[in-house]
Amino acid sequence: MNVMRPQSAPGRPLAATQGLIDVDIHPRPKSLHCYDPWLSQAMRDRLHTYGMRPRHGYVKGPPYFKAMPLASRKDAWTPEGGVPASDPAFMATQHLDFHGIDVGVLNPLQPSGQGDQNNAFSAAMAYAVNEWQLHNWVAVDDRLRASVVVPYEDPEASAKEIRARAGDPRFCQVLVMSRTSHPLGNPKYWPILEAAEEVGLPIGVHAFGYSGWAMTNGGWPSFYIEEVSEHATSCQSLVNSLVLEGALERFPKLRIVLIECGFGWLPSVAWRLDRHFPSLRHELPHLTRLPSQQIRDQIWVSTQPIEEPPRPEQLLDCMGWIGWDRILYASDYPHWDFDDPRTAIPTYIPESHRAAIYGGNARQVYGF
């Protein structure tokens, strides 16, 4: 059943004249039993007996405490005391209705089974999470679109899941995490990239994931703020990999959407690659285009968390280089660093560009 739309939304920004599309909403199950209908008995037993086992040593929880419980806003806990973003109706009232969201993209994080140590279990969980999105979320609110969750450390199983969802308009992208066991451009992951290009779905790369490796080049950091800052550096590495391994050239119609990792770093990464490319390209005979050309043609970014430099012209220069048609609004609901659309996009950005960021760009890249 579809929800009723309010006549007006008090939180809808006036500049959203091309619609308001949120590319980062994080639904969460009320309990792990929500996945049971779509798991075999063997996989249900594994889930409820052993739980999920990500590829890192902190099996019982994340290695760093969050700023808030479940990294969520205090007011996002449901009236019944349920975990944030576990009740579609409450989420719709608090976020979709209040802010006048036209389309919301679901990005299920943990507990989703992505990157689990057991590939067969990871694949079973991905299927269950995808069905759960359709039945528990998209079916009750037609403003929502699901992401194809894949067991990305098993690329062949991931490609199979992508192709199984092909042509279903309720899915708008393939979802992977930024911290894979190898850099994302590695040929190991090409079956995922190939399948996504084949079926015409963008790949949404969301910050997080536990690959079994420390998130820095020098070991495990001490503080949560270091982990948060590392969201950007993990995506720098995967952009380098996608370009230099030849993945973007091999799959020229592939679209990559970077979510929750900032974007102020992207121009400097492209400049550095371009600077080294002429003198080092002898080891890259498979590349025919400058790295910056590949990046500007095939990579999109989201606004949460948007950089806020002290001088407006610095942000304008950065966004202009990336491309005003390559930037998408994201709220990160229900997390503590949620970005309200009324205040997330600085007003010194020209109104036509703000309108595109709020909705027009997402319509283009996702085909809404």
Protein backbone atom coordinates (compact mmCIF):
# COMPACT_ATOMS: atom_id res chain seq x y z
CA MET A 1 0.00 0.00 0.00
CA ASN A 2 1.34 3.42 -0.90
CA VAL A 3 1.49 6.14 1.71
CA MET A 4 -0.49 9.37 1.46
CA ARG A 5 1.50 12.44 0.48
CA PRO A 6 1.28 15.65 2.49
CA GLN A 7 0.16 18.72 0.54
CA SER A 8 3.27 20.59 1.62
CA ALA A 9 6.50 19.77 3.40
CA PRO A 10 7.82 22.29 5.95
CA GLY A 11 11.37 21.05 5.48
CA ARG A 12 11.53 21.13 1.68
CA PRO A 13 14.10 23.65 0.43
CA LEU A 14 12.73 26.24 -1.98
CA ALA A 15 15.64 25.66 -4.36
CA ALA A 16 14.56 22.05 -4.98
CA THR A 17 12.70 23.04 -8.14
CA GLN A 18 13.81 19.87 -9.95
CA GLY A 19 12.59 17.67 -7.11
CA LEU A 20 14.31 16.42 -3.97
CA ILE A 21 16.13 13.08 -4.15
CA ASP A 22 18.03 11.65 -1.19
CA VAL A 23 20.65 9.11 -2.30
CA ASP A 24 21.60 7.86 1.18
CA ILE A 25 18.99 6.45 3.58
CA HIS A 26 19.96 3.58 5.87
CA PRO A 27 17.15 1.15 6.71
CA ARG A 28 17.76 -1.27 9.54
CA PRO A 29 15.88 -4.46 10.50
CA LYS A 30 13.99 -4.53 13.78
CA SER A 31 15.84 -7.78 14.48
CA LEU A 32 17.83 -10.32 12.51
CA HIS A 33 14.69 -12.44 12.33
CA CYS A 34 13.38 -9.99 9.72
CA TYR A 35 15.57 -11.81 7.20
CA ASP A 36 14.31 -15.30 8.07
CA PRO A 37 11.63 -15.59 5.33
CA TRP A 38 14.30 -15.44 2.63
CA LEU A 39 16.98 -17.65 4.19
CA SER A 40 17.26 -21.42 4.05
CA GLN A 41 17.02 -23.29 7.35
CA ALA A 42 20.78 -23.84 7.30
CA MET A 43 21.49 -20.15 6.81
CA ARG A 44 18.93 -19.14 9.47
CA ASP A 45 20.69 -21.46 11.89
CA ARG A 46 24.05 -19.93 11.02
CA LEU A 47 22.75 -16.38 11.38
CA HIS A 48 21.10 -16.89 14.78
CA THR A 49 23.74 -19.22 16.20
CA TYR A 50 26.95 -17.58 15.08
CA GLY A 51 25.88 -14.18 13.75
CA MET A 52 27.85 -12.33 11.13
CA ARG A 53 31.63 -12.52 11.04
CA PRO A 54 33.19 -9.62 9.15
CA ARG A 55 36.77 -9.89 7.94
CA HIS A 56 38.39 -8.20 10.91
CA GLY A 57 39.30 -9.07 14.45
CA TYR A 58 36.56 -7.16 16.27
CA VAL A 59 33.83 -9.75 15.83
CA LYS A 60 31.56 -8.53 18.61
CA GLY A 61 31.27 -4.94 17.43
CA PRO A 62 32.91 -2.05 15.61
CA PRO A 63 36.50 -1.20 16.57
CA TYR A 64 35.56 2.38 17.54
CA PHE A 65 32.68 3.70 19.57
CA LYS A 66 30.30 5.99 17.71
CA ALA A 67 29.30 9.51 18.63
CA MET A 68 25.77 8.23 19.40
CA PRO A 69 24.29 4.74 19.89
CA LEU A 70 24.09 3.02 16.49
CA ALA A 71 25.58 6.27 15.13
CA SER A 72 22.04 7.66 15.02
CA ARG A 73 20.06 10.77 15.89
CA LYS A 74 18.35 10.64 19.29
CA ASP A 75 14.96 11.42 17.74
CA ALA A 76 15.26 8.61 15.16
CA TRP A 77 14.43 5.87 17.68
CA THR A 78 10.87 4.82 16.99
CA PRO A 79 8.02 5.71 19.41
CA GLU A 80 7.95 2.05 20.45
CA GLY A 81 11.65 2.13 21.26
CA GLY A 82 12.75 0.36 18.08
CA VAL A 83 16.12 0.98 16.51
CA PRO A 84 16.44 3.97 14.16
CA ALA A 85 15.16 3.53 10.60
CA SER A 86 13.50 0.20 11.42
CA ASP A 87 9.91 1.45 10.97
CA PRO A 88 9.05 2.57 7.41
CA ALA A 89 6.01 4.57 8.52
CA PHE A 90 7.94 6.49 11.19
CA MET A 91 10.82 7.13 8.79
CA ALA A 92 8.36 8.38 6.17
CA THR A 93 6.78 10.82 8.63
CA GLN A 94 10.04 12.07 10.13
CA HIS A 95 12.05 12.31 6.95
CA LEU A 96 10.26 11.76 3.62
CA ASP A 97 7.08 13.67 4.48
CA PHE A 98 8.69 16.43 6.53
CA HIS A 99 11.37 17.21 3.97
CA GLY A 100 9.27 16.55 0.89
CA ILE A 101 11.55 13.82 -0.45
CA ASP A 102 10.44 12.67 -3.90
CA VAL A 103 12.75 9.65 -4.10
CA GLY A 104 14.85 8.02 -1.37
CA VAL A 105 17.60 5.52 -2.11
CA LEU A 106 17.99 2.74 0.48
CA ASN A 107 21.55 1.77 1.39
CA PRO A 108 21.44 -1.07 3.96
CA LEU A 109 24.67 -1.22 5.94
CA GLN A 110 25.36 -3.72 8.71
CA PRO A 111 23.78 -6.06 9.51
CA SER A 112 23.74 -6.99 5.81
CA GLY A 113 26.33 -9.74 5.58
CA GLN A 114 28.43 -7.92 2.99
CA GLY A 115 32.07 -8.94 3.22
CA ASP A 116 31.39 -11.81 5.63
CA GLN A 117 34.17 -14.37 6.05
CA ASN A 118 31.87 -17.09 4.70
CA ASN A 119 31.10 -16.35 1.05
CA ALA A 120 28.08 -18.66 0.85
CA PHE A 121 26.53 -17.02 3.91
CA SER A 122 27.33 -13.55 2.54
CA ALA A 123 25.55 -14.41 -0.72
CA ALA A 124 22.52 -15.79 1.13
CA MET A 125 22.33 -12.67 3.29
CA ALA A 126 22.61 -10.38 0.26
CA TYR A 127 19.62 -12.10 -1.33
CA ALA A 128 17.63 -11.89 1.92
CA VAL A 129 18.44 -8.21 2.45
CA ASN A 130 17.36 -7.42 -1.11
CA GLU A 131 14.04 -9.21 -0.65
CA TRP A 132 13.58 -7.51 2.72
CA GLN A 133 14.05 -4.10 1.09
CA LEU A 134 11.40 -4.88 -1.51
CA HIS A 135 8.80 -6.37 0.85
CA ASN A 136 9.30 -4.25 3.97
CA TRP A 137 10.16 -0.87 2.44
CA VAL A 138 9.58 -0.35 -1.26
CA ALA A 139 6.24 -2.16 -1.21
CA VAL A 140 4.86 0.21 1.42
CA ASP A 141 6.19 3.50 0.01
CA ASP A 142 6.69 4.07 -3.70
CA ARG A 143 9.08 6.94 -3.02
CA LEU A 144 11.75 4.42 -2.03
CA ARG A 145 14.21 2.60 -4.27
CA ALA A 146 16.34 -0.36 -3.22
CA SER A 147 20.04 -1.01 -3.75
CA VAL A 148 21.25 -4.40 -4.94
CA VAL A 149 23.29 -5.59 -1.95
CA VAL A 150 26.01 -7.96 -3.17
CA PRO A 151 28.54 -10.30 -1.48
CA TYR A 152 31.35 -8.33 -3.07
CA GLU A 153 34.18 -10.62 -1.91
CA ASP A 154 32.56 -13.29 -4.09
CA PRO A 155 32.41 -11.44 -7.43
CA GLU A 156 30.79 -14.26 -9.38
CA ALA A 157 27.96 -14.57 -6.86
CA SER A 158 27.65 -10.79 -6.88
CA ALA A 159 27.34 -10.71 -10.67
CA LYS A 160 24.65 -13.40 -10.48
CA GLU A 161 22.65 -11.34 -7.96
CA ILE A 162 23.01 -8.20 -10.10
CA ARG A 163 21.74 -9.95 -13.22
CA ALA A 164 18.88 -11.53 -11.26
CA ARG A 165 17.66 -8.03 -10.33
CA ALA A 166 18.15 -6.61 -13.84
CA GLY A 167 15.14 -4.83 -15.25
CA ASP A 168 13.41 -4.43 -11.88
CA PRO A 169 12.81 -0.67 -11.57
CA ARG A 170 12.57 -0.96 -7.79
CA PHE A 171 16.38 -1.32 -7.74
CA CYS A 172 18.40 1.72 -8.75
CA GLN A 173 22.04 0.80 -8.03
CA VAL A 174 24.48 -1.88 -6.92
CA LEU A 175 25.84 -1.31 -3.39
CA VAL A 176 29.40 -2.09 -2.26
CA MET A 177 31.51 -0.76 0.59
CA SER A 178 34.70 1.27 0.14
CA ARG A 179 36.98 -1.04 2.16
CA THR A 180 37.16 -4.17 0.05
CA SER A 181 39.92 -6.76 0.53
CA HIS A 182 41.62 -5.54 -2.67
CA PRO A 183 41.28 -2.08 -4.26
CA LEU A 184 37.99 -1.99 -6.18
CA GLY A 185 39.58 -1.68 -9.62
CA ASN A 186 41.43 -4.99 -9.19
CA PRO A 187 40.46 -7.51 -11.89
CA LYS A 188 39.07 -9.69 -9.09
CA TYR A 189 36.05 -7.37 -8.98
CA TRP A 190 35.58 -6.98 -12.73
CA PRO A 191 32.65 -9.46 -12.81
CA ILE A 192 30.76 -7.00 -10.58
CA LEU A 193 31.67 -4.01 -12.74
CA GLU A 194 30.83 -5.90 -15.92
CA ALA A 195 27.42 -7.01 -14.65
CA ALA A 196 26.53 -3.52 -13.42
CA GLU A 197 27.44 -1.98 -16.78
CA GLU A 198 25.57 -4.74 -18.63
CA VAL A 199 22.29 -4.15 -16.78
CA GLY A 200 22.70 -0.36 -16.70
CA LEU A 201 22.92 0.12 -12.93
CA PRO A 202 25.35 2.56 -11.26
CA ILE A 203 27.59 1.21 -8.53
CA GLY A 204 27.13 3.05 -5.24
CA VAL A 205 30.31 2.88 -3.18
CA HIS A 206 29.48 3.65 0.43
CA ALA A 207 32.07 4.38 3.11
CA PHE A 208 32.80 1.61 5.65
CA GLY A 209 33.24 -2.12 5.44
CA TYR A 210 35.87 -4.29 7.14
CA SER A 211 38.29 -5.97 4.76
CA GLY A 212 40.49 -7.63 7.36
CA TRP A 213 43.12 -4.92 6.90
CA ALA A 214 43.74 -1.81 8.96
CA MET A 215 42.09 1.22 7.41
CA THR A 216 45.37 3.16 7.20
CA ASN A 217 48.73 2.40 5.60
CA GLY A 218 50.34 2.21 9.03
CA GLY A 219 48.04 0.12 11.19
CA TRP A 220 45.00 0.70 13.35
CA PRO A 221 44.36 4.32 14.42
CA SER A 222 43.49 5.35 17.96
CA PHE A 223 40.33 7.43 17.57
CA TYR A 224 36.94 7.43 15.87
CA ILE A 225 37.75 10.79 14.25
CA GLU A 226 40.58 9.03 12.41
CA GLU A 227 38.18 6.40 11.13
CA VAL A 228 35.74 9.09 9.98
CA SER A 229 38.53 10.97 8.19
CA GLU A 230 39.64 7.75 6.55
CA HIS A 231 36.35 7.51 4.63
CA ALA A 232 37.92 9.95 2.16
CA THR A 233 41.28 8.23 1.88
CA SER A 234 39.73 4.81 1.25
CA CYS A 235 37.82 6.28 -1.68
CA GLN A 236 40.96 8.00 -2.97
CA SER A 237 42.61 4.59 -3.15
CA LEU A 238 39.70 2.95 -4.94
CA VAL A 239 39.48 5.82 -7.46
CA ASN A 240 43.18 5.39 -8.19
CA SER A 241 42.59 1.67 -8.63
CA LEU A 242 39.55 2.03 -10.91
CA VAL A 243 41.53 4.39 -13.15
CA LEU A 244 44.95 2.75 -13.21
CA GLU A 245 43.83 -0.88 -13.44
CA GLY A 246 41.92 0.17 -16.55
CA ALA A 247 38.51 -0.67 -15.10
CA LEU A 248 36.86 2.59 -16.14
CA GLU A 249 38.21 2.31 -19.67
CA ARG A 250 37.27 -1.36 -19.90
CA PHE A 251 33.71 -0.52 -18.81
CA PRO A 252 33.13 2.93 -20.38
CA LYS A 253 29.41 3.02 -19.59
CA LEU A 254 29.95 2.22 -15.90
CA ARG A 255 28.82 4.91 -13.43
CA ILE A 256 30.37 5.12 -9.95
CA VAL A 257 28.60 7.06 -7.18
CA LEU A 258 30.76 7.79 -4.11
CA ILE A 259 28.60 8.07 -0.98
CA GLU A 260 29.53 9.52 2.43
CA CYS A 261 33.21 10.03 1.73
CA GLY A 262 33.36 13.76 0.94
CA PHE A 263 34.63 15.06 -2.37
CA GLY A 264 37.08 17.90 -1.68
CA TRP A 265 39.94 15.47 -2.30
CA LEU A 266 38.84 14.41 -5.78
CA PRO A 267 40.35 17.24 -7.88
CA SER A 268 43.75 16.93 -6.20
CA VAL A 269 43.78 13.15 -6.76
CA ALA A 270 43.04 13.72 -10.44
CA TRP A 271 45.71 16.43 -10.73
CA ARG A 272 48.34 14.20 -9.13
CA LEU A 273 47.47 11.28 -11.42
CA ASP A 274 47.63 13.54 -14.47
CA ARG A 275 50.97 14.93 -13.32
CA HIS A 276 52.56 11.48 -13.07
CA PHE A 277 50.80 9.94 -16.05
CA PRO A 278 53.09 11.21 -18.87
CA SER A 279 56.30 9.97 -17.24
CA LEU A 280 54.92 6.68 -15.88
CA ARG A 281 52.48 5.65 -18.57
CA HIS A 282 54.94 3.09 -19.96
CA GLU A 283 53.58 0.68 -17.33
CA LEU A 284 50.00 1.56 -18.29
CA PRO A 285 49.73 0.70 -22.00
CA HIS A 286 46.08 -0.21 -21.45
CA LEU A 287 45.12 3.43 -20.76
CA THR A 288 44.23 5.78 -23.60
CA ARG A 289 42.74 8.71 -21.68
CA LEU A 290 44.04 11.01 -18.98
CA PRO A 291 42.99 9.93 -15.45
CA SER A 292 41.14 13.21 -14.95
CA GLN A 293 39.05 12.58 -18.07
CA GLN A 294 38.01 9.17 -16.80
CA ILE A 295 37.15 10.56 -13.37
CA ARG A 296 35.06 13.43 -14.71
CA ASP A 297 33.19 11.16 -17.12
CA GLN A 298 32.33 8.24 -14.85
CA ILE A 299 32.37 9.30 -11.18
CA TRP A 300 29.65 11.08 -9.21
CA VAL A 301 29.80 12.25 -5.58
CA SER A 302 27.29 12.93 -2.80
CA THR A 303 27.02 15.89 -0.45
CA GLN A 304 27.12 14.17 2.91
CA PRO A 305 29.52 15.09 4.38
CA ILE A 306 30.00 18.21 2.28
CA GLU A 307 33.25 20.13 2.77
CA GLU A 308 32.81 23.55 4.38
CA PRO A 309 35.99 25.61 3.78
CA PRO A 310 36.21 29.08 5.33
CA ARG A 311 36.19 30.78 1.91
CA PRO A 312 33.16 30.03 -0.29
CA GLU A 313 35.16 30.35 -3.50
CA GLN A 314 37.23 27.33 -2.47
CA LEU A 315 34.17 25.08 -2.39
CA LEU A 316 32.81 26.59 -5.61
CA ASP A 317 36.10 25.93 -7.41
CA CYS A 318 36.15 22.33 -6.19
CA MET A 319 32.55 21.61 -7.14
CA GLY A 320 33.00 23.32 -10.48
CA TRP A 321 35.96 21.08 -11.33
CA ILE A 322 34.05 17.93 -10.37
CA GLY A 323 31.10 19.11 -12.43
CA TRP A 324 27.86 20.67 -11.28
CA ASP A 325 26.05 17.74 -12.92
CA ARG A 326 28.04 15.19 -10.90
CA ILE A 327 26.98 16.11 -7.35
CA LEU A 328 24.00 14.52 -5.56
CA TYR A 329 22.18 15.39 -2.33
CA ALA A 330 22.48 12.83 0.49
CA SER A 331 21.05 13.04 4.01
CA ASP A 332 22.64 9.99 5.72
CA TYR A 333 19.36 9.47 7.63
CA PRO A 334 19.10 8.40 10.46
CA HIS A 335 22.70 8.96 11.53
CA TRP A 336 23.87 11.57 14.00
CA ASP A 337 25.57 13.62 11.27
CA PHE A 338 22.37 13.73 9.20
CA ASP A 339 22.28 16.61 6.69
CA ASP A 340 19.03 18.57 6.65
CA PRO A 341 18.33 19.55 3.02
CA ARG A 342 17.37 23.07 4.11
CA THR A 343 20.87 23.78 5.37
CA ALA A 344 23.11 21.18 3.74
CA ILE A 345 23.71 23.00 0.45
CA PRO A 346 25.23 26.48 1.01
CA THR A 347 23.08 29.32 -0.30
CA TYR A 348 26.08 30.96 -1.99
CA ILE A 349 25.93 28.15 -4.56
CA PRO A 350 23.89 29.47 -7.52
CA GLU A 351 20.25 28.43 -7.33
CA SER A 352 20.31 26.54 -10.64
CA HIS A 353 23.19 24.41 -9.37
CA ARG A 354 21.45 23.80 -6.05
CA ALA A 355 18.34 22.65 -7.92
CA ALA A 356 20.42 20.15 -9.90
CA ILE A 357 22.14 18.88 -6.74
CA TYR A 358 18.83 18.45 -4.93
CA GLY A 359 17.22 16.39 -7.68
CA GLY A 360 18.11 16.89 -11.32
CA ASN A 361 21.51 15.17 -11.21
CA ALA A 362 20.17 12.09 -9.45
CA ARG A 363 17.41 11.77 -12.02
CA GLN A 364 20.06 11.64 -14.73
CA VAL A 365 22.49 9.17 -13.16
CA TYR A 366 19.82 6.82 -11.77
CA GLY A 367 17.30 7.26 -14.56
CA PHE A 368 14.39 8.09 -12.25
